Amino acid sequence: MAKLIEMTQLSPTMTEGTIVKWIKKEGEAVQAGDVLAEVETDKAVMEMEAYDSGVLLKIVEGEGAKLKVGMALAIIGKPG
């Protein structure tokens, strides 16, 4: 089953973040705890980790995208 990966609140005051760089690419295996992307918050650039394991099936928002906390970034699941 595929899971949506959402913009995570990486600091207590964060309401939105900007994707600086995707570390994982579409089609790559992802383990819980792996760094998916670097995200610029209101305070600093931080690493956003995966909470689920699987394959990064789709990157919904690319580098430079500014998203509110809770918005979809990517989809992780099983191939096919």
N, C-alpha and C. Protein backbone atom coordinates (compact mmCIF):
# COMPACT_ATOMS: atom_id res chain seq x y z
N MET A 1 0.84 -1.18 0.00
CA MET A 1 0.00 0.00 0.00
C MET A 1 0.88 1.24 0.00
N ALA A 2 0.56 2.18 -0.85
CA ALA A 2 1.33 3.42 -0.94
C ALA A 2 0.94 4.39 0.18
N LYS A 3 1.93 5.16 0.63
CA LYS A 3 1.69 6.15 1.67
C LYS A 3 2.17 7.51 1.19
N LEU A 4 1.36 8.53 1.49
CA LEU A 4 1.77 9.90 1.20
C LEU A 4 2.78 10.35 2.24
N ILE A 5 3.83 10.99 1.78
CA ILE A 5 4.80 11.60 2.67
C ILE A 5 4.47 13.08 2.70
N GLU A 6 4.25 13.59 3.90
CA GLU A 6 3.83 14.98 4.06
C GLU A 6 4.97 15.83 4.60
N MET A 7 4.87 17.14 4.34
CA MET A 7 5.82 18.08 4.93
C MET A 7 5.70 17.97 6.44
N THR A 8 6.79 17.63 7.08
CA THR A 8 6.84 17.42 8.52
C THR A 8 7.19 18.72 9.23
N GLN A 9 6.61 18.94 10.38
CA GLN A 9 6.96 20.11 11.19
C GLN A 9 8.30 19.80 11.86
N LEU A 10 9.37 20.42 11.36
CA LEU A 10 10.72 20.12 11.82
C LEU A 10 11.19 21.02 12.96
N SER A 11 10.42 22.05 13.27
CA SER A 11 10.71 22.90 14.43
C SER A 11 9.38 23.35 15.02
N PRO A 12 9.35 23.72 16.28
CA PRO A 12 8.09 24.08 16.93
C PRO A 12 7.35 25.26 16.28
N THR A 13 8.09 26.15 15.63
CA THR A 13 7.45 27.33 15.03
C THR A 13 7.25 27.20 13.53
N MET A 14 7.64 26.09 12.96
CA MET A 14 7.55 25.90 11.51
C MET A 14 6.10 25.76 11.05
N THR A 15 5.72 26.56 10.04
CA THR A 15 4.39 26.45 9.44
C THR A 15 4.48 26.06 7.97
N GLU A 16 5.67 26.28 7.36
CA GLU A 16 5.91 25.87 5.98
C GLU A 16 7.40 25.64 5.80
N GLY A 17 7.73 24.92 4.74
CA GLY A 17 9.13 24.64 4.44
C GLY A 17 9.36 24.64 2.95
N THR A 18 10.60 24.85 2.55
CA THR A 18 10.99 24.85 1.15
C THR A 18 11.92 23.67 0.92
N ILE A 19 11.63 22.87 -0.09
CA ILE A 19 12.49 21.73 -0.42
C ILE A 19 13.76 22.28 -1.07
N VAL A 20 14.88 22.09 -0.40
CA VAL A 20 16.16 22.58 -0.90
C VAL A 20 16.75 21.54 -1.85
N LYS A 21 16.74 20.27 -1.43
CA LYS A 21 17.37 19.20 -2.22
C LYS A 21 16.74 17.86 -1.87
N TRP A 22 16.43 17.09 -2.87
CA TRP A 22 16.01 15.71 -2.65
C TRP A 22 17.25 14.85 -2.54
N ILE A 23 17.37 14.09 -1.47
CA ILE A 23 18.49 13.17 -1.27
C ILE A 23 18.18 11.85 -1.97
N LYS A 24 16.98 11.35 -1.80
CA LYS A 24 16.54 10.12 -2.47
C LYS A 24 15.91 10.49 -3.81
N LYS A 25 16.03 9.62 -4.77
CA LYS A 25 15.47 9.81 -6.10
C LYS A 25 14.33 8.82 -6.33
N GLU A 26 13.45 9.13 -7.26
CA GLU A 26 12.35 8.21 -7.59
C GLU A 26 12.93 6.85 -7.97
N GLY A 27 12.30 5.80 -7.46
CA GLY A 27 12.73 4.44 -7.75
C GLY A 27 13.72 3.87 -6.74
N GLU A 28 14.24 4.70 -5.85
CA GLU A 28 15.19 4.22 -4.84
C GLU A 28 14.49 3.62 -3.64
N ALA A 29 15.14 2.62 -3.06
CA ALA A 29 14.63 2.02 -1.82
C ALA A 29 14.82 3.00 -0.67
N VAL A 30 13.85 3.00 0.24
CA VAL A 30 13.86 3.89 1.39
C VAL A 30 13.58 3.05 2.64
N GLN A 31 14.38 3.25 3.67
CA GLN A 31 14.16 2.62 4.96
C GLN A 31 13.72 3.70 5.95
N ALA A 32 12.88 3.33 6.89
CA ALA A 32 12.49 4.29 7.93
C ALA A 32 13.75 4.85 8.57
N GLY A 33 13.82 6.16 8.69
CA GLY A 33 15.00 6.82 9.25
C GLY A 33 15.94 7.38 8.21
N ASP A 34 15.81 6.94 6.95
CA ASP A 34 16.63 7.50 5.87
C ASP A 34 16.27 8.96 5.64
N VAL A 35 17.25 9.76 5.28
CA VAL A 35 17.00 11.15 4.93
C VAL A 35 16.43 11.20 3.51
N LEU A 36 15.25 11.81 3.39
CA LEU A 36 14.61 11.95 2.08
C LEU A 36 15.02 13.23 1.38
N ALA A 37 15.02 14.32 2.15
CA ALA A 37 15.26 15.63 1.55
C ALA A 37 15.80 16.59 2.59
N GLU A 38 16.40 17.68 2.07
CA GLU A 38 16.78 18.80 2.92
C GLU A 38 15.70 19.86 2.76
N VAL A 39 15.22 20.37 3.89
CA VAL A 39 14.12 21.32 3.90
C VAL A 39 14.54 22.59 4.65
N GLU A 40 14.31 23.74 4.03
CA GLU A 40 14.57 25.01 4.70
C GLU A 40 13.34 25.40 5.51
N THR A 41 13.53 25.57 6.80
CA THR A 41 12.45 25.97 7.70
C THR A 41 12.59 27.45 8.00
N ASP A 42 11.82 27.93 8.96
CA ASP A 42 11.93 29.32 9.38
C ASP A 42 13.23 29.59 10.14
N LYS A 43 13.93 28.54 10.53
CA LYS A 43 15.14 28.69 11.34
C LYS A 43 16.43 28.23 10.65
N ALA A 44 16.36 27.14 9.88
CA ALA A 44 17.58 26.55 9.32
C ALA A 44 17.21 25.53 8.24
N VAL A 45 18.23 25.00 7.57
CA VAL A 45 18.03 23.89 6.64
C VAL A 45 18.19 22.61 7.45
N MET A 46 17.16 21.75 7.38
CA MET A 46 17.15 20.53 8.19
C MET A 46 16.89 19.32 7.29
N GLU A 47 17.25 18.15 7.80
CA GLU A 47 17.01 16.90 7.08
C GLU A 47 15.65 16.34 7.46
N MET A 48 14.89 15.95 6.45
CA MET A 48 13.59 15.33 6.69
C MET A 48 13.73 13.82 6.47
N GLU A 49 13.39 13.05 7.49
CA GLU A 49 13.56 11.60 7.44
C GLU A 49 12.26 10.89 7.07
N ALA A 50 12.42 9.69 6.52
CA ALA A 50 11.27 8.84 6.20
C ALA A 50 10.77 8.15 7.47
N TYR A 51 9.46 8.03 7.58
CA TYR A 51 8.86 7.29 8.70
C TYR A 51 8.46 5.89 8.27
N ASP A 52 8.45 5.65 6.96
CA ASP A 52 8.05 4.35 6.42
C ASP A 52 9.13 3.82 5.49
N SER A 53 9.10 2.50 5.27
CA SER A 53 10.04 1.86 4.34
C SER A 53 9.31 1.47 3.07
N GLY A 54 10.06 1.37 1.98
CA GLY A 54 9.50 0.99 0.69
C GLY A 54 10.35 1.56 -0.42
N VAL A 55 9.69 1.93 -1.51
CA VAL A 55 10.36 2.55 -2.66
C VAL A 55 9.77 3.93 -2.84
N LEU A 56 10.62 4.90 -3.13
CA LEU A 56 10.13 6.25 -3.42
C LEU A 56 9.51 6.20 -4.81
N LEU A 57 8.19 6.06 -4.84
CA LEU A 57 7.47 5.87 -6.09
C LEU A 57 7.32 7.16 -6.89
N LYS A 58 7.07 8.25 -6.20
CA LYS A 58 6.81 9.52 -6.90
C LYS A 58 7.19 10.69 -6.03
N ILE A 59 7.92 11.63 -6.59
CA ILE A 59 8.17 12.91 -5.94
C ILE A 59 7.11 13.86 -6.46
N VAL A 60 6.23 14.31 -5.58
CA VAL A 60 5.10 15.15 -5.95
C VAL A 60 5.52 16.61 -6.12
N GLU A 61 6.43 17.07 -5.26
CA GLU A 61 6.90 18.45 -5.29
C GLU A 61 8.42 18.47 -5.43
N GLY A 62 8.91 19.24 -6.37
CA GLY A 62 10.34 19.29 -6.65
C GLY A 62 11.09 20.29 -5.80
N GLU A 63 12.39 20.35 -6.05
CA GLU A 63 13.25 21.28 -5.34
C GLU A 63 12.79 22.71 -5.59
N GLY A 64 12.80 23.51 -4.54
CA GLY A 64 12.35 24.89 -4.63
C GLY A 64 10.90 25.10 -4.25
N ALA A 65 10.14 24.00 -4.15
CA ALA A 65 8.72 24.11 -3.80
C ALA A 65 8.56 24.50 -2.34
N LYS A 66 7.68 25.46 -2.06
CA LYS A 66 7.38 25.90 -0.70
C LYS A 66 6.02 25.32 -0.33
N LEU A 67 5.99 24.55 0.76
CA LEU A 67 4.78 23.84 1.16
C LEU A 67 4.45 24.09 2.62
N LYS A 68 3.17 24.14 2.91
CA LYS A 68 2.71 24.22 4.30
C LYS A 68 2.87 22.85 4.95
N VAL A 69 3.06 22.83 6.27
CA VAL A 69 3.15 21.58 7.01
C VAL A 69 1.89 20.76 6.74
N GLY A 70 2.07 19.47 6.45
CA GLY A 70 0.97 18.57 6.18
C GLY A 70 0.67 18.36 4.70
N MET A 71 1.25 19.18 3.82
CA MET A 71 1.01 19.00 2.38
C MET A 71 1.86 17.84 1.85
N ALA A 72 1.38 17.19 0.79
CA ALA A 72 2.07 16.02 0.22
C ALA A 72 3.34 16.40 -0.52
N LEU A 73 4.41 15.63 -0.25
CA LEU A 73 5.70 15.81 -0.91
C LEU A 73 6.00 14.68 -1.88
N ALA A 74 5.67 13.46 -1.44
CA ALA A 74 6.07 12.27 -2.20
C ALA A 74 5.19 11.09 -1.82
N ILE A 75 5.41 9.98 -2.54
CA ILE A 75 4.67 8.74 -2.27
C ILE A 75 5.68 7.61 -2.13
N ILE A 76 5.56 6.85 -1.03
CA ILE A 76 6.40 5.68 -0.78
C ILE A 76 5.50 4.45 -0.76
N GLY A 77 5.97 3.38 -1.36
CA GLY A 77 5.19 2.14 -1.35
C GLY A 77 5.97 1.02 -1.97
N LYS A 78 5.24 0.01 -2.45
CA LYS A 78 5.85 -1.13 -3.12
C LYS A 78 5.82 -0.88 -4.63
N PRO A 79 6.85 -1.31 -5.35
CA PRO A 79 6.86 -1.13 -6.80
C PRO A 79 5.65 -1.80 -7.44
N GLY A 80 5.15 -1.18 -8.48
CA GLY A 80 4.01 -1.74 -9.22
C GLY A 80 2.71 -1.38 -8.59
